[in-house]
Amino acid sequence: MAEFDRELDASGLNCPLPILRARKALADMDRGQVLKIISTDQGSVKDFEAFSKQTNNPLLSSGEEGGKFVFLLQKS
């Protein structure tokens, strides 16, 4: 797993809460910093791909670890 500047654990939250929490966390971060998001919502895979495109925050990685979905988003 790549390095990240901040971690957001959105486990147990369903759409759209992981996205809303990620948007709020990114707002407090500096350009170029990386946010790691952990989610248990299966829909979050497509949600974060769409969120990345809509907001131009690159999705550096998307994967599954131990039954949880893990994303790395870079603030643009």
C-alpha atoms as a PDB file:
ATOM      1  CA  MET A   1       0.000   0.000   0.000  1.00  0.00           C
ATOM      2  CA  ALA A   2       1.279   3.416  -0.945  1.00  0.00           C
ATOM      3  CA  GLU A   3       1.893   6.182   1.551  1.00  0.00           C
ATOM      4  CA  PHE A   4      -0.923   8.465   2.634  1.00  0.00           C
ATOM      5  CA  ASP A   5      -1.287  11.630   4.696  1.00  0.00           C
ATOM      6  CA  ARG A   6      -4.634  10.988   6.356  1.00  0.00           C
ATOM      7  CA  GLU A   7      -6.916   8.021   6.970  1.00  0.00           C
ATOM      8  CA  LEU A   8     -10.704   7.972   6.960  1.00  0.00           C
ATOM      9  CA  ASP A   9     -12.431   4.866   8.328  1.00  0.00           C
ATOM     10  CA  ALA A  10     -15.941   4.808   6.868  1.00  0.00           C
ATOM     11  CA  SER A  11     -16.581   1.172   7.846  1.00  0.00           C
ATOM     12  CA  GLY A  12     -20.236   0.440   8.526  1.00  0.00           C
ATOM     13  CA  LEU A  13     -21.415   3.525   6.651  1.00  0.00           C
ATOM     14  CA  ASN A  14     -23.568   3.204   3.556  1.00  0.00           C
ATOM     15  CA  CYS A  15     -23.734   5.397   0.482  1.00  0.00           C
ATOM     16  CA  PRO A  16     -23.534   8.346   0.342  1.00  0.00           C
ATOM     17  CA  LEU A  17     -21.838   8.760   3.736  1.00  0.00           C
ATOM     18  CA  PRO A  18     -18.356   7.472   2.749  1.00  0.00           C
ATOM     19  CA  ILE A  19     -18.282   9.964  -0.143  1.00  0.00           C
ATOM     20  CA  LEU A  20     -19.547  12.838   2.011  1.00  0.00           C
ATOM     21  CA  ARG A  21     -16.956  12.106   4.710  1.00  0.00           C
ATOM     22  CA  ALA A  22     -14.208  11.862   2.076  1.00  0.00           C
ATOM     23  CA  ARG A  23     -15.263  15.184   0.532  1.00  0.00           C
ATOM     24  CA  LYS A  24     -15.116  16.829   3.973  1.00  0.00           C
ATOM     25  CA  ALA A  25     -11.703  15.299   4.768  1.00  0.00           C
ATOM     26  CA  LEU A  26     -10.270  16.397   1.397  1.00  0.00           C
ATOM     27  CA  ALA A  27     -11.469  19.957   2.030  1.00  0.00           C
ATOM     28  CA  ASP A  28      -9.132  20.121   5.045  1.00  0.00           C
ATOM     29  CA  MET A  29      -6.143  18.740   3.156  1.00  0.00           C
ATOM     30  CA  ASP A  30      -3.455  20.392   1.045  1.00  0.00           C
ATOM     31  CA  ARG A  31      -3.099  19.905  -2.684  1.00  0.00           C
ATOM     32  CA  GLY A  32      -1.142  16.727  -3.476  1.00  0.00           C
ATOM     33  CA  GLN A  33      -1.866  15.047  -0.150  1.00  0.00           C
ATOM     34  CA  VAL A  34      -3.313  11.542  -0.165  1.00  0.00           C
ATOM     35  CA  LEU A  35      -6.415  10.382   1.708  1.00  0.00           C
ATOM     36  CA  LYS A  36      -6.831   6.688   2.512  1.00  0.00           C
ATOM     37  CA  ILE A  37     -10.473   5.649   2.796  1.00  0.00           C
ATOM     38  CA  ILE A  38     -11.635   2.354   4.297  1.00  0.00           C
ATOM     39  CA  SER A  39     -15.210   1.323   3.516  1.00  0.00           C
ATOM     40  CA  THR A  40     -17.406  -1.750   3.931  1.00  0.00           C
ATOM     41  CA  ASP A  41     -20.056  -0.572   1.449  1.00  0.00           C
ATOM     42  CA  GLN A  42     -19.807  -2.586  -1.790  1.00  0.00           C
ATOM     43  CA  GLY A  43     -21.234   0.350  -3.730  1.00  0.00           C
ATOM     44  CA  SER A  44     -18.309   2.492  -2.667  1.00  0.00           C
ATOM     45  CA  VAL A  45     -16.098   1.049  -5.438  1.00  0.00           C
ATOM     46  CA  LYS A  46     -18.224   2.639  -8.173  1.00  0.00           C
ATOM     47  CA  ASP A  47     -18.994   5.642  -5.966  1.00  0.00           C
ATOM     48  CA  PHE A  48     -15.328   6.550  -5.498  1.00  0.00           C
ATOM     49  CA  GLU A  49     -14.539   6.032  -9.190  1.00  0.00           C
ATOM     50  CA  ALA A  50     -17.337   8.472 -10.052  1.00  0.00           C
ATOM     51  CA  PHE A  51     -16.359  10.871  -7.254  1.00  0.00           C
ATOM     52  CA  SER A  52     -12.771  10.915  -8.521  1.00  0.00           C
ATOM     53  CA  LYS A  53     -13.887  11.818 -12.056  1.00  0.00           C
ATOM     54  CA  GLN A  54     -16.406  14.438 -10.906  1.00  0.00           C
ATOM     55  CA  THR A  55     -13.995  16.215  -8.570  1.00  0.00           C
ATOM     56  CA  ASN A  56     -10.717  15.681 -10.514  1.00  0.00           C
ATOM     57  CA  ASN A  57      -9.127  14.165  -7.401  1.00  0.00           C
ATOM     58  CA  PRO A  58      -7.109  11.231  -8.783  1.00  0.00           C
ATOM     59  CA  LEU A  59      -8.014   7.783  -7.480  1.00  0.00           C
ATOM     60  CA  LEU A  60      -4.518   6.370  -6.994  1.00  0.00           C
ATOM     61  CA  SER A  61      -5.663   2.907  -5.978  1.00  0.00           C
ATOM     62  CA  SER A  62      -8.751   0.893  -5.247  1.00  0.00           C
ATOM     63  CA  GLY A  63      -8.702  -2.559  -3.718  1.00  0.00           C
ATOM     64  CA  GLU A  64      -9.957  -4.967  -1.114  1.00  0.00           C
ATOM     65  CA  GLU A  65      -8.195  -5.894   2.115  1.00  0.00           C
ATOM     66  CA  GLY A  66      -9.714  -8.305   4.602  1.00  0.00           C
ATOM     67  CA  GLY A  67     -13.273  -7.810   3.377  1.00  0.00           C
ATOM     68  CA  LYS A  68     -12.992  -4.035   3.379  1.00  0.00           C
ATOM     69  CA  PHE A  69     -12.544  -1.722   0.431  1.00  0.00           C
ATOM     70  CA  VAL A  70      -9.526   0.573   0.503  1.00  0.00           C
ATOM     71  CA  PHE A  71      -9.072   3.648  -1.673  1.00  0.00           C
ATOM     72  CA  LEU A  72      -6.313   6.203  -2.056  1.00  0.00           C
ATOM     73  CA  LEU A  73      -7.469   9.590  -3.306  1.00  0.00           C
ATOM     74  CA  GLN A  74      -5.093  12.439  -4.026  1.00  0.00           C
ATOM     75  CA  LYS A  75      -6.296  15.984  -3.544  1.00  0.00           C
ATOM     76  CA  SER A  76      -5.911  17.966  -6.752  1.00  0.00           C
END
